[in-house]
C-alpha atoms as a PDB file:
ATOM      1  CA  MET A   1       3.301 -37.419 -13.014  1.00  0.00           C
ATOM      2  CA  LYS A   2       0.285 -35.103 -12.677  1.00  0.00           C
ATOM      3  CA  LYS A   3       1.129 -34.574  -9.061  1.00  0.00           C
ATOM      4  CA  ILE A   4       4.717 -33.673  -9.889  1.00  0.00           C
ATOM      5  CA  PHE A   5       3.565 -31.127 -12.541  1.00  0.00           C
ATOM      6  CA  LEU A   6       1.055 -29.517 -10.238  1.00  0.00           C
ATOM      7  CA  THR A   7       3.725 -29.183  -7.550  1.00  0.00           C
ATOM      8  CA  VAL A   8       6.137 -27.532  -9.976  1.00  0.00           C
ATOM      9  CA  MET A   9       3.453 -25.184 -11.213  1.00  0.00           C
ATOM     10  CA  LEU A  10       2.534 -24.106  -7.672  1.00  0.00           C
ATOM     11  CA  LEU A  11       6.178 -23.537  -6.787  1.00  0.00           C
ATOM     12  CA  ALA A  12       6.547 -21.371  -9.964  1.00  0.00           C
ATOM     13  CA  THR A  13       3.599 -19.324  -9.088  1.00  0.00           C
ATOM     14  CA  PHE A  14       5.013 -18.529  -5.595  1.00  0.00           C
ATOM     15  CA  ILE A  15       8.432 -17.542  -6.997  1.00  0.00           C
ATOM     16  CA  LEU A  16       7.037 -15.314  -9.732  1.00  0.00           C
ATOM     17  CA  SER A  17       4.623 -13.383  -7.446  1.00  0.00           C
ATOM     18  CA  GLY A  18       5.468  -9.678  -6.931  1.00  0.00           C
ATOM     19  CA  CYS A  19       6.404 -10.043  -3.308  1.00  0.00           C
ATOM     20  CA  GLY A  20       5.495 -12.220  -0.247  1.00  0.00           C
ATOM     21  CA  SER A  21       1.938 -12.513   0.991  1.00  0.00           C
ATOM     22  CA  GLN A  22       0.378 -13.768   4.205  1.00  0.00           C
ATOM     23  CA  ALA A  23      -3.253 -14.522   5.180  1.00  0.00           C
ATOM     24  CA  LYS A  24      -5.022 -14.930   8.494  1.00  0.00           C
ATOM     25  CA  THR A  25      -8.494 -16.484   9.069  1.00  0.00           C
ATOM     26  CA  GLU A  26     -10.721 -16.447  12.076  1.00  0.00           C
ATOM     27  CA  THR A  27     -10.220 -19.114  14.781  1.00  0.00           C
ATOM     28  CA  PRO A  28     -12.943 -21.764  14.403  1.00  0.00           C
ATOM     29  CA  GLY A  29     -15.669 -21.418  17.046  1.00  0.00           C
ATOM     30  CA  GLU A  30     -15.126 -17.682  17.690  1.00  0.00           C
ATOM     31  CA  PRO A  31     -18.249 -15.435  17.269  1.00  0.00           C
ATOM     32  CA  GLN A  32     -18.419 -13.615  14.044  1.00  0.00           C
ATOM     33  CA  SER A  33     -19.512  -9.951  13.575  1.00  0.00           C
ATOM     34  CA  THR A  34     -19.522  -7.194  10.991  1.00  0.00           C
ATOM     35  CA  GLU A  35     -16.217  -6.142  12.524  1.00  0.00           C
ATOM     36  CA  ALA A  36     -14.623  -9.464  13.007  1.00  0.00           C
ATOM     37  CA  THR A  37     -11.290  -9.626  14.840  1.00  0.00           C
ATOM     38  CA  PRO A  38      -8.573 -11.512  13.119  1.00  0.00           C
ATOM     39  CA  PRO A  39      -7.017 -14.128  15.462  1.00  0.00           C
ATOM     40  CA  GLU A  40      -3.464 -14.821  16.290  1.00  0.00           C
ATOM     41  CA  ALA A  41      -3.374 -18.162  14.399  1.00  0.00           C
ATOM     42  CA  GLU A  42      -2.131 -17.934  10.880  1.00  0.00           C
ATOM     43  CA  ALA A  43      -3.319 -19.910   7.879  1.00  0.00           C
ATOM     44  CA  ALA A  44      -1.150 -20.795   4.930  1.00  0.00           C
ATOM     45  CA  PRO A  45       0.068 -17.972   2.675  1.00  0.00           C
ATOM     46  CA  ALA A  46      -2.456 -16.962   0.051  1.00  0.00           C
ATOM     47  CA  GLN A  47      -1.208 -16.004  -3.364  1.00  0.00           C
ATOM     48  CA  ASN A  48      -3.000 -13.543  -5.681  1.00  0.00           C
ATOM     49  CA  VAL A  49      -6.317 -13.519  -3.811  1.00  0.00           C
ATOM     50  CA  ASN A  50      -9.176 -12.227  -6.006  1.00  0.00           C
ATOM     51  CA  GLY A  51     -11.660 -10.138  -3.951  1.00  0.00           C
ATOM     52  CA  ASN A  52     -13.643  -7.042  -3.741  1.00  0.00           C
ATOM     53  CA  LEU A  53     -11.224  -5.137  -1.598  1.00  0.00           C
ATOM     54  CA  LYS A  54      -7.979  -3.754  -3.008  1.00  0.00           C
ATOM     55  CA  VAL A  55      -5.747  -1.409  -0.983  1.00  0.00           C
ATOM     56  CA  SER A  56      -2.924   0.133  -2.773  1.00  0.00           C
ATOM     57  CA  MET A  57      -0.143   2.074  -0.892  1.00  0.00           C
ATOM     58  CA  LEU A  58       1.015   4.288  -3.833  1.00  0.00           C
ATOM     59  CA  ASN A  59       4.621   4.917  -4.608  1.00  0.00           C
ATOM     60  CA  VAL A  60       4.530   8.632  -4.180  1.00  0.00           C
ATOM     61  CA  GLY A  61       7.935   9.367  -2.536  1.00  0.00           C
ATOM     62  CA  GLN A  62       8.046  10.456   1.085  1.00  0.00           C
ATOM     63  CA  GLY A  63       4.396  11.354   1.475  1.00  0.00           C
ATOM     64  CA  ASP A  64       1.363   9.177   2.012  1.00  0.00           C
ATOM     65  CA  ALA A  65      -1.363   8.307  -0.572  1.00  0.00           C
ATOM     66  CA  ILE A  66      -3.357   5.068  -0.047  1.00  0.00           C
ATOM     67  CA  LEU A  67      -6.069   4.078  -2.494  1.00  0.00           C
ATOM     68  CA  ILE A  68      -8.969   1.872  -1.425  1.00  0.00           C
ATOM     69  CA  GLN A  69     -11.199   0.303  -3.995  1.00  0.00           C
ATOM     70  CA  THR A  70     -14.222  -1.806  -2.941  1.00  0.00           C
ATOM     71  CA  GLY A  71     -16.003  -2.361  -6.146  1.00  0.00           C
ATOM     72  CA  LYS A  72     -18.595   0.119  -5.017  1.00  0.00           C
ATOM     73  CA  GLN A  73     -16.454   3.160  -3.938  1.00  0.00           C
ATOM     74  CA  THR A  74     -12.989   4.550  -4.481  1.00  0.00           C
ATOM     75  CA  VAL A  75     -11.425   6.098  -1.498  1.00  0.00           C
ATOM     76  CA  LEU A  76      -8.122   8.019  -1.256  1.00  0.00           C
ATOM     77  CA  ILE A  77      -6.428   8.528   2.101  1.00  0.00           C
ATOM     78  CA  ASP A  78      -3.914  11.439   1.742  1.00  0.00           C
ATOM     79  CA  THR A  79      -2.443  12.911  -1.434  1.00  0.00           C
ATOM     80  CA  SER A  80       1.394  13.042  -1.043  1.00  0.00           C
ATOM     81  CA  ASP A  81       3.438  16.134  -1.200  1.00  0.00           C
ATOM     82  CA  THR A  82       3.327  19.021  -3.602  1.00  0.00           C
ATOM     83  CA  ASP A  83       6.761  17.943  -5.035  1.00  0.00           C
ATOM     84  CA  GLU A  84       5.347  14.543  -5.730  1.00  0.00           C
ATOM     85  CA  ARG A  85       2.188  15.561  -7.483  1.00  0.00           C
ATOM     86  CA  ASP A  86       3.188  14.101 -10.876  1.00  0.00           C
ATOM     87  CA  LEU A  87       3.844  10.742  -9.199  1.00  0.00           C
ATOM     88  CA  LEU A  88       0.398  10.747  -7.564  1.00  0.00           C
ATOM     89  CA  ILE A  89      -1.467  11.663 -10.809  1.00  0.00           C
ATOM     90  CA  GLY A  90       0.615   8.973 -12.638  1.00  0.00           C
ATOM     91  CA  GLU A  91      -0.399   6.255 -10.064  1.00  0.00           C
ATOM     92  CA  LEU A  92      -4.113   7.266 -10.275  1.00  0.00           C
ATOM     93  CA  GLU A  93      -3.948   7.191 -14.032  1.00  0.00           C
ATOM     94  CA  LYS A  94      -2.348   3.782 -14.073  1.00  0.00           C
ATOM     95  CA  LEU A  95      -5.207   2.531 -11.992  1.00  0.00           C
ATOM     96  CA  SER A  96      -7.821   4.229 -14.128  1.00  0.00           C
ATOM     97  CA  VAL A  97      -9.130   6.241 -11.148  1.00  0.00           C
ATOM     98  CA  THR A  98     -11.616   8.976 -12.423  1.00  0.00           C
ATOM     99  CA  LYS A  99     -13.975   9.293  -9.342  1.00  0.00           C
ATOM    100  CA  ILE A 100     -12.817   9.614  -5.794  1.00  0.00           C
ATOM    101  CA  ASP A 101     -15.921   8.962  -3.662  1.00  0.00           C
ATOM    102  CA  LYS A 102     -14.231   9.871  -0.369  1.00  0.00           C
ATOM    103  CA  LEU A 103     -11.027  11.913   0.047  1.00  0.00           C
ATOM    104  CA  ILE A 104      -9.719  11.433   3.627  1.00  0.00           C
ATOM    105  CA  LEU A 105      -6.954  13.845   4.744  1.00  0.00           C
ATOM    106  CA  THR A 106      -5.369  12.603   7.962  1.00  0.00           C
ATOM    107  CA  HIS A 107      -3.690  15.900   9.103  1.00  0.00           C
ATOM    108  CA  PRO A 108      -2.516  19.046   7.365  1.00  0.00           C
ATOM    109  CA  HIS A 109       1.175  18.394   6.682  1.00  0.00           C
ATOM    110  CA  ALA A 110       2.344  18.959   3.198  1.00  0.00           C
ATOM    111  CA  ASP A 111       3.406  15.363   2.562  1.00  0.00           C
ATOM    112  CA  HIS A 112      -0.203  14.279   3.256  1.00  0.00           C
ATOM    113  CA  ILE A 113      -2.377  17.050   1.829  1.00  0.00           C
ATOM    114  CA  GLY A 114      -0.006  18.435  -0.774  1.00  0.00           C
ATOM    115  CA  SER A 115      -2.121  17.522  -3.832  1.00  0.00           C
ATOM    116  CA  ALA A 116      -5.617  17.839  -2.343  1.00  0.00           C
ATOM    117  CA  LYS A 117      -6.400  21.055  -3.859  1.00  0.00           C
ATOM    118  CA  VAL A 118      -5.520  19.987  -7.375  1.00  0.00           C
ATOM    119  CA  LEU A 119      -7.604  16.776  -7.161  1.00  0.00           C
ATOM    120  CA  ILE A 120     -10.621  18.853  -5.911  1.00  0.00           C
ATOM    121  CA  ASN A 121     -10.422  21.851  -8.202  1.00  0.00           C
ATOM    122  CA  PRO A 122      -7.438  22.196 -10.492  1.00  0.00           C
ATOM    123  CA  SER A 123      -6.597  25.507 -12.132  1.00  0.00           C
ATOM    124  CA  LYS A 124      -6.019  25.782 -15.887  1.00  0.00           C
ATOM    125  CA  LYS A 125      -2.293  25.811 -15.431  1.00  0.00           C
ATOM    126  CA  GLU A 126      -2.525  22.642 -13.191  1.00  0.00           C
ATOM    127  CA  LEU A 127      -4.728  20.997 -15.835  1.00  0.00           C
ATOM    128  CA  ASN A 128      -2.117  21.893 -18.550  1.00  0.00           C
ATOM    129  CA  ALA A 129       0.636  20.341 -16.500  1.00  0.00           C
ATOM    130  CA  ASN A 130      -1.453  17.221 -15.663  1.00  0.00           C
ATOM    131  CA  PRO A 131      -4.220  16.707 -18.270  1.00  0.00           C
ATOM    132  CA  TYR A 132      -5.388  13.513 -16.525  1.00  0.00           C
ATOM    133  CA  LEU A 133      -6.702  15.775 -13.699  1.00  0.00           C
ATOM    134  CA  GLU A 134      -9.661  16.711 -15.914  1.00  0.00           C
ATOM    135  CA  LYS A 135     -10.928  13.153 -15.658  1.00  0.00           C
ATOM    136  CA  ILE A 136     -10.816  13.090 -11.796  1.00  0.00           C
ATOM    137  CA  SER A 137     -13.621  14.154  -9.599  1.00  0.00           C
ATOM    138  CA  VAL A 138     -13.966  14.189  -5.745  1.00  0.00           C
ATOM    139  CA  ALA A 139     -17.360  13.589  -4.192  1.00  0.00           C
ATOM    140  CA  GLU A 140     -16.608  14.152  -0.483  1.00  0.00           C
ATOM    141  CA  VAL A 141     -13.736  15.403   1.713  1.00  0.00           C
ATOM    142  CA  TYR A 142     -13.109  14.237   5.245  1.00  0.00           C
ATOM    143  CA  ASP A 143     -10.391  15.475   7.763  1.00  0.00           C
ATOM    144  CA  ASN A 144      -9.809  15.663  11.556  1.00  0.00           C
ATOM    145  CA  GLY A 145     -12.013  18.875  11.954  1.00  0.00           C
ATOM    146  CA  ILE A 146      -9.042  20.874  13.278  1.00  0.00           C
ATOM    147  CA  ALA A 147      -8.546  24.231  11.611  1.00  0.00           C
ATOM    148  CA  SER A 148      -5.051  25.017  10.418  1.00  0.00           C
ATOM    149  CA  SER A 149      -3.145  28.048   9.291  1.00  0.00           C
ATOM    150  CA  SER A 150      -1.363  25.949   6.574  1.00  0.00           C
ATOM    151  CA  PRO A 151      -1.829  27.427   3.058  1.00  0.00           C
ATOM    152  CA  LEU A 152      -2.304  23.994   1.753  1.00  0.00           C
ATOM    153  CA  TYR A 153      -5.103  23.339   4.245  1.00  0.00           C
ATOM    154  CA  LYS A 154      -6.854  26.664   3.284  1.00  0.00           C
ATOM    155  CA  SER A 155      -6.474  25.918  -0.408  1.00  0.00           C
ATOM    156  CA  TYR A 156      -8.294  22.576  -0.344  1.00  0.00           C
ATOM    157  CA  MET A 157     -10.972  23.970   2.000  1.00  0.00           C
ATOM    158  CA  LYS A 158     -11.483  26.784  -0.417  1.00  0.00           C
ATOM    159  CA  ALA A 159     -11.540  24.480  -3.350  1.00  0.00           C
ATOM    160  CA  ALA A 160     -14.103  22.218  -1.809  1.00  0.00           C
ATOM    161  CA  ASP A 161     -16.346  25.188  -0.973  1.00  0.00           C
ATOM    162  CA  ALA A 162     -16.013  26.391  -4.632  1.00  0.00           C
ATOM    163  CA  LYS A 163     -17.091  23.080  -5.970  1.00  0.00           C
ATOM    164  CA  GLY A 164     -19.869  22.560  -3.412  1.00  0.00           C
ATOM    165  CA  ILE A 165     -18.221  19.453  -2.166  1.00  0.00           C
ATOM    166  CA  ALA A 166     -19.353  18.165   1.260  1.00  0.00           C
ATOM    167  CA  HIS A 167     -16.710  18.384   3.989  1.00  0.00           C
ATOM    168  CA  THR A 168     -16.989  16.205   7.093  1.00  0.00           C
ATOM    169  CA  ALA A 169     -14.905  16.141  10.356  1.00  0.00           C
ATOM    170  CA  LEU A 170     -14.008  12.686  11.636  1.00  0.00           C
ATOM    171  CA  LYS A 171     -13.815  11.746  15.318  1.00  0.00           C
ATOM    172  CA  VAL A 172     -13.697   8.720  17.548  1.00  0.00           C
ATOM    173  CA  GLY A 173     -16.684   6.433  17.039  1.00  0.00           C
ATOM    174  CA  ASP A 174     -17.435   7.589  13.537  1.00  0.00           C
ATOM    175  CA  THR A 175     -17.829   4.737  11.007  1.00  0.00           C
ATOM    176  CA  LEU A 176     -17.661   5.275   7.267  1.00  0.00           C
ATOM    177  CA  ASP A 177     -19.181   2.894   4.754  1.00  0.00           C
ATOM    178  CA  PHE A 178     -16.900   2.217   1.841  1.00  0.00           C
ATOM    179  CA  GLY A 179     -19.422  -0.137   0.107  1.00  0.00           C
ATOM    180  CA  ASN A 180     -19.444  -3.981  -0.327  1.00  0.00           C
ATOM    181  CA  SER A 181     -19.363  -4.507   3.509  1.00  0.00           C
ATOM    182  CA  VAL A 182     -16.112  -2.535   3.855  1.00  0.00           C
ATOM    183  CA  LYS A 183     -16.149  -0.222   6.827  1.00  0.00           C
ATOM    184  CA  PHE A 184     -13.732   2.346   8.377  1.00  0.00           C
ATOM    185  CA  LYS A 185     -14.066   2.939  12.131  1.00  0.00           C
ATOM    186  CA  VAL A 186     -12.384   6.055  13.336  1.00  0.00           C
ATOM    187  CA  LEU A 187     -10.203   5.539  16.483  1.00  0.00           C
ATOM    188  CA  TYR A 188      -8.699   9.065  16.753  1.00  0.00           C
ATOM    189  CA  PRO A 189      -8.923  11.969  17.256  1.00  0.00           C
ATOM    190  CA  THR A 190     -11.312  12.468  20.233  1.00  0.00           C
ATOM    191  CA  THR A 191     -13.926  15.113  20.397  1.00  0.00           C
ATOM    192  CA  GLU A 192     -12.130  16.552  23.440  1.00  0.00           C
ATOM    193  CA  LEU A 193      -8.922  16.923  21.617  1.00  0.00           C
ATOM    194  CA  VAL A 194     -10.473  18.680  18.698  1.00  0.00           C
ATOM    195  CA  ASP A 195     -12.423  21.103  20.922  1.00  0.00           C
ATOM    196  CA  LYS A 196      -9.175  21.831  22.924  1.00  0.00           C
ATOM    197  CA  ILE A 197      -7.078  22.615  19.855  1.00  0.00           C
ATOM    198  CA  ASN A 198      -9.767  24.600  18.074  1.00  0.00           C
ATOM    199  CA  GLY A 199      -9.822  26.682  21.263  1.00  0.00           C
ATOM    200  CA  ASP A 200      -6.279  27.894  20.416  1.00  0.00           C
ATOM    201  CA  ASP A 201      -4.385  25.354  22.351  1.00  0.00           C
ATOM    202  CA  LYS A 202      -0.868  24.334  21.067  1.00  0.00           C
ATOM    203  CA  SER A 203      -1.185  22.080  18.004  1.00  0.00           C
ATOM    204  CA  ASP A 204       0.784  19.038  16.957  1.00  0.00           C
ATOM    205  CA  PRO A 205      -0.553  17.846  13.577  1.00  0.00           C
ATOM    206  CA  ASN A 206       1.082  14.462  13.693  1.00  0.00           C
ATOM    207  CA  ASN A 207      -0.705  13.670  16.934  1.00  0.00           C
ATOM    208  CA  GLU A 208      -4.000  14.912  15.568  1.00  0.00           C
ATOM    209  CA  SER A 209      -3.944  12.360  12.722  1.00  0.00           C
ATOM    210  CA  VAL A 210      -7.056  10.532  11.705  1.00  0.00           C
ATOM    211  CA  VAL A 211      -6.505   6.918  12.771  1.00  0.00           C
ATOM    212  CA  GLY A 212      -8.835   4.182  11.726  1.00  0.00           C
ATOM    213  CA  LYS A 213      -9.476   0.543  11.392  1.00  0.00           C
ATOM    214  CA  LEU A 214     -10.671  -0.788   8.034  1.00  0.00           C
ATOM    215  CA  THR A 215     -12.655  -4.057   8.083  1.00  0.00           C
ATOM    216  CA  TYR A 216     -13.935  -6.389   5.364  1.00  0.00           C
ATOM    217  CA  LYS A 217     -15.577  -9.483   6.839  1.00  0.00           C
ATOM    218  CA  LYS A 218     -12.592 -11.308   8.451  1.00  0.00           C
ATOM    219  CA  PHE A 219      -9.968  -9.018   7.078  1.00  0.00           C
ATOM    220  CA  ALA A 220      -8.704  -5.840   8.897  1.00  0.00           C
ATOM    221  CA  MET A 221      -6.096  -3.118   8.283  1.00  0.00           C
ATOM    222  CA  MET A 222      -4.937  -0.346  10.610  1.00  0.00           C
ATOM    223  CA  PHE A 223      -4.415   3.142   9.177  1.00  0.00           C
ATOM    224  CA  THR A 224      -2.304   5.396  11.356  1.00  0.00           C
ATOM    225  CA  GLY A 225      -1.494   8.642   9.451  1.00  0.00           C
ATOM    226  CA  ASP A 226       1.444  10.085  11.308  1.00  0.00           C
ATOM    227  CA  ALA A 227       0.214   9.288  14.735  1.00  0.00           C
ATOM    228  CA  GLU A 228       3.013   9.001  17.270  1.00  0.00           C
ATOM    229  CA  LYS A 229       3.522   7.088  20.555  1.00  0.00           C
ATOM    230  CA  GLU A 230       1.104   9.275  22.677  1.00  0.00           C
ATOM    231  CA  VAL A 231      -1.692   8.660  20.275  1.00  0.00           C
ATOM    232  CA  GLU A 232      -0.964   4.968  20.245  1.00  0.00           C
ATOM    233  CA  ALA A 233      -1.127   4.963  24.044  1.00  0.00           C
ATOM    234  CA  ALA A 234      -4.416   6.847  23.959  1.00  0.00           C
ATOM    235  CA  ILE A 235      -5.934   4.335  21.493  1.00  0.00           C
ATOM    236  CA  LEU A 236      -4.625   1.424  23.672  1.00  0.00           C
ATOM    237  CA  ALA A 237      -6.243   3.030  26.759  1.00  0.00           C
ATOM    238  CA  ASN A 238      -9.578   3.444  25.046  1.00  0.00           C
ATOM    239  CA  ASN A 239      -9.942   0.094  23.224  1.00  0.00           C
ATOM    240  CA  LYS A 240      -9.685  -3.475  24.225  1.00  0.00           C
ATOM    241  CA  PRO A 241      -6.694  -5.191  22.548  1.00  0.00           C
ATOM    242  CA  LYS A 242      -8.844  -7.654  20.607  1.00  0.00           C
ATOM    243  CA  ASP A 243     -10.637  -4.679  18.917  1.00  0.00           C
ATOM    244  CA  LEU A 244      -7.347  -3.401  17.608  1.00  0.00           C
ATOM    245  CA  LYS A 245      -6.166  -6.608  15.967  1.00  0.00           C
ATOM    246  CA  CYS A 246      -5.519  -6.330  12.227  1.00  0.00           C
ATOM    247  CA  ASN A 247      -3.905  -8.414   9.515  1.00  0.00           C
ATOM    248  CA  VAL A 248      -2.048  -5.371   8.114  1.00  0.00           C
ATOM    249  CA  LEU A 249      -0.560  -2.372   9.754  1.00  0.00           C
ATOM    250  CA  LYS A 250       0.232   0.891   7.999  1.00  0.00           C
ATOM    251  CA  SER A 251       3.400   1.842   9.772  1.00  0.00           C
ATOM    252  CA  GLY A 252       2.988   5.066  11.673  1.00  0.00           C
ATOM    253  CA  HIS A 253       4.752   8.240  10.573  1.00  0.00           C
ATOM    254  CA  HIS A 254       6.650   6.677   7.631  1.00  0.00           C
ATOM    255  CA  GLY A 255       8.386   4.141   9.888  1.00  0.00           C
ATOM    256  CA  SER A 256       9.625   6.733  12.346  1.00  0.00           C
ATOM    257  CA  TYR A 257      11.033   5.888  15.821  1.00  0.00           C
ATOM    258  CA  THR A 258       8.358   8.275  17.038  1.00  0.00           C
ATOM    259  CA  ALA A 259       5.668   5.636  16.436  1.00  0.00           C
ATOM    260  CA  SER A 260       5.100   1.845  16.599  1.00  0.00           C
ATOM    261  CA  THR A 261       5.515   1.162  20.265  1.00  0.00           C
ATOM    262  CA  LYS A 262       5.899  -2.489  21.381  1.00  0.00           C
ATOM    263  CA  ASP A 263       2.552  -2.419  23.091  1.00  0.00           C
ATOM    264  CA  PHE A 264       0.697  -1.002  20.035  1.00  0.00           C
ATOM    265  CA  VAL A 265       2.218  -3.379  17.560  1.00  0.00           C
ATOM    266  CA  ALA A 266       1.528  -6.305  19.934  1.00  0.00           C
ATOM    267  CA  ALA A 267      -2.157  -5.221  20.184  1.00  0.00           C
ATOM    268  CA  VAL A 268      -2.527  -4.752  16.452  1.00  0.00           C
ATOM    269  CA  ASN A 269      -0.703  -8.062  15.901  1.00  0.00           C
ATOM    270  CA  PRO A 270      -0.315  -7.728  12.192  1.00  0.00           C
ATOM    271  CA  SER A 271       1.365 -10.312   9.940  1.00  0.00           C
ATOM    272  CA  VAL A 272       2.177  -7.574   7.279  1.00  0.00           C
ATOM    273  CA  VAL A 273       3.528  -4.092   7.731  1.00  0.00           C
ATOM    274  CA  LEU A 274       3.450  -1.445   4.921  1.00  0.00           C
ATOM    275  CA  ILE A 275       5.672   1.654   5.118  1.00  0.00           C
ATOM    276  CA  SER A 276       5.480   4.715   2.922  1.00  0.00           C
ATOM    277  CA  ALA A 277       8.823   6.456   2.562  1.00  0.00           C
ATOM    278  CA  GLY A 278      10.780   8.323  -0.142  1.00  0.00           C
ATOM    279  CA  PRO A 279      14.001   7.539  -2.011  1.00  0.00           C
ATOM    280  CA  ASP A 280      17.443   8.199  -0.609  1.00  0.00           C
ATOM    281  CA  GLU A 281      17.591  11.825  -1.444  1.00  0.00           C
ATOM    282  CA  GLU A 282      17.649  14.467   1.190  1.00  0.00           C
ATOM    283  CA  ARG A 283      14.863  16.478  -0.377  1.00  0.00           C
ATOM    284  CA  ARG A 284      12.543  13.481  -0.498  1.00  0.00           C
ATOM    285  CA  ASN A 285      13.572  11.609   2.734  1.00  0.00           C
ATOM    286  CA  THR A 286      14.969  14.171   5.094  1.00  0.00           C
ATOM    287  CA  TYR A 287      14.709  12.037   8.154  1.00  0.00           C
ATOM    288  CA  GLY A 288      16.069   8.804   6.716  1.00  0.00           C
ATOM    289  CA  HIS A 289      12.794   6.690   7.039  1.00  0.00           C
ATOM    290  CA  PRO A 290      12.235   3.966   7.984  1.00  0.00           C
ATOM    291  CA  HIS A 291      14.086   4.063  11.278  1.00  0.00           C
ATOM    292  CA  LEU A 292      15.742   1.238  13.100  1.00  0.00           C
ATOM    293  CA  GLU A 293      13.584   1.095  16.176  1.00  0.00           C
ATOM    294  CA  PRO A 294      10.203   0.184  14.671  1.00  0.00           C
ATOM    295  CA  LEU A 295      11.763  -2.320  12.233  1.00  0.00           C
ATOM    296  CA  GLU A 296      13.357  -4.095  15.293  1.00  0.00           C
ATOM    297  CA  THR A 297       9.934  -3.942  17.044  1.00  0.00           C
ATOM    298  CA  TYR A 298       8.206  -5.487  14.096  1.00  0.00           C
ATOM    299  CA  LEU A 299      10.758  -8.392  13.933  1.00  0.00           C
ATOM    300  CA  ALA A 300      10.526  -8.918  17.718  1.00  0.00           C
ATOM    301  CA  GLN A 301       6.753  -9.238  17.255  1.00  0.00           C
ATOM    302  CA  GLY A 302       7.314 -12.177  15.005  1.00  0.00           C
ATOM    303  CA  ILE A 303       6.535 -10.430  11.687  1.00  0.00           C
ATOM    304  CA  ALA A 304       8.406 -12.180   8.827  1.00  0.00           C
ATOM    305  CA  LYS A 305      11.097 -10.155   7.062  1.00  0.00           C
ATOM    306  CA  GLU A 306       9.485 -10.604   3.798  1.00  0.00           C
ATOM    307  CA  ASN A 307       6.255  -9.194   5.081  1.00  0.00           C
ATOM    308  CA  ILE A 308       7.794  -5.800   5.975  1.00  0.00           C
ATOM    309  CA  LEU A 309       7.419  -3.851   2.852  1.00  0.00           C
ATOM    310  CA  CYS A 310       8.338  -0.274   1.937  1.00  0.00           C
ATOM    311  CA  THR A 311       7.533   1.869  -1.096  1.00  0.00           C
ATOM    312  CA  ARG A 312      11.038   3.169  -1.152  1.00  0.00           C
ATOM    313  CA  TRP A 313      12.249  -0.265  -2.323  1.00  0.00           C
ATOM    314  CA  ASN A 314       9.115  -2.212  -3.307  1.00  0.00           C
ATOM    315  CA  GLY A 315       7.236   0.511  -5.187  1.00  0.00           C
ATOM    316  CA  THR A 316       3.491   0.437  -4.972  1.00  0.00           C
ATOM    317  CA  ILE A 317       2.257  -2.164  -2.652  1.00  0.00           C
ATOM    318  CA  THR A 318      -1.217  -3.737  -3.178  1.00  0.00           C
ATOM    319  CA  VAL A 319      -3.281  -5.771  -0.665  1.00  0.00           C
ATOM    320  CA  THR A 320      -6.193  -7.726  -2.156  1.00  0.00           C
ATOM    321  CA  SER A 321      -8.797  -9.521   0.032  1.00  0.00           C
ATOM    322  CA  ASP A 322     -11.956 -11.516  -0.524  1.00  0.00           C
ATOM    323  CA  GLY A 323     -12.996 -10.979   3.152  1.00  0.00           C
ATOM    324  CA  LYS A 324     -11.517 -14.273   4.242  1.00  0.00           C
ATOM    325  CA  ASP A 325      -7.898 -14.385   2.900  1.00  0.00           C
ATOM    326  CA  PHE A 326      -5.671 -11.779   1.577  1.00  0.00           C
ATOM    327  CA  SER A 327      -2.620 -11.520  -0.695  1.00  0.00           C
ATOM    328  CA  VAL A 328       0.077  -8.795  -1.066  1.00  0.00           C
ATOM    329  CA  THR A 329       1.866  -7.914  -4.235  1.00  0.00           C
ATOM    330  CA  CYS A 330       4.338  -5.181  -5.070  1.00  0.00           C
ATOM    331  CA  GLU A 331       6.005  -3.671  -8.060  1.00  0.00           C
ATOM    332  CA  GLN A 332       9.493  -4.541  -7.086  1.00  0.00           C
ATOM    333  CA  LYS A 333      10.783  -7.618  -5.180  1.00  0.00           C
ATOM    334  CA  GLU A 334      13.713  -6.410  -3.297  1.00  0.00           C
ATOM    335  CA  ASP A 335      15.190  -7.944  -0.079  1.00  0.00           C
ATOM    336  CA  TRP A 336      16.175  -4.603   1.419  1.00  0.00           C
ATOM    337  CA  LEU A 337      15.639  -5.126   5.059  1.00  0.00           C
ATOM    338  CA  ASP A 338      18.883  -6.875   6.246  1.00  0.00           C
ATOM    339  CA  LYS A 339      20.973  -4.327   4.335  1.00  0.00           C
ATOM    340  CA  TRP A 340      19.005  -1.412   5.724  1.00  0.00           C
ATOM    341  CA  LEU A 341      19.142  -2.780   9.347  1.00  0.00           C
ATOM    342  CA  ASN A 342      22.931  -3.225   9.213  1.00  0.00           C
ATOM    343  CA  GLN A 343      23.266   0.313   7.905  1.00  0.00           C
ATOM    344  CA  LYS A 344      21.082   1.837  10.618  1.00  0.00           C
ATOM    345  CA  ARG A 345      22.830  -0.195  13.388  1.00  0.00           C
ATOM    346  CA  LYS A 346      26.147   1.146  12.163  1.00  0.00           C
ATOM    347  CA  GLU A 347      24.821   4.595  12.361  1.00  0.00           C
ATOM    348  CA  ARG A 348      23.518   4.027  15.934  1.00  0.00           C
ATOM    349  CA  LYS A 349      27.008   3.077  17.047  1.00  0.00           C
ATOM    350  CA  LYS A 350      28.597   6.200  15.794  1.00  0.00           C
END
């Protein structure tokens, strides 16, 4: 009777969880390092893992905003668009975020840096509109080191200077310490690219995005910003495939067809993909993300449908890891993928 009761309880726990989760562990006998490479073999799904690492892809509409909490530091990668500022502040308040130890801005497009200035140094008007901003402080700011004429870029640079906040440019080979053995290794941009663009060469912000691999013991996640196919090719050319393997992939460019090549996805070999995209309103998702091509690539790679998640349907998505296993939960459990694939395939035939 006890065995039957235990089985029922375990099944109920699985059904009631926010959304599907999957875990990978290292293959026995493989050497371990501070930047361990997750193997291809998969362990049983892990439900609601308790651990020091928590990564939340925030539901902020079309933009990107990913919060990383390690127990020692709180890191925010990108800040969503100006139009989605209230959503971002609301998400930070829900998670009781008051200090951002590191603010990483991948590239100077509005849907990634739109709220950077107000987090760093809000005006009285901005404080009146979002009183919670008064509780938030930013200790350090990081970006790709490429100067931009964007007013939003200039505003956060000016705000950081006014507050005396350290500003650091990231390049290939840099590694940031997020505390509790969590590391972030920068894979892009290269020093040569930064020097070339800052020398008045033609600029393409998406393909200047900060790309990095986060590792926590045996767990790894790939952060891609809006990097497109040419950046993925450059990363593949400059790294061994085993060094790119990750449990979780942040889908490049909001799930656009301009990213997620077969070779790159195969090298990363994730069991979970997270996509940040806005709702079905032209103002908030002009390009109809996510696109068909990357979704088909993920499925062809063997990623389970329930492990392809998108803020558009699933709300804020949270990955938790203890350094060995990991679990994924989300605000809304919605089986959106088949319906969306069918819609996109019909559009392709037109």
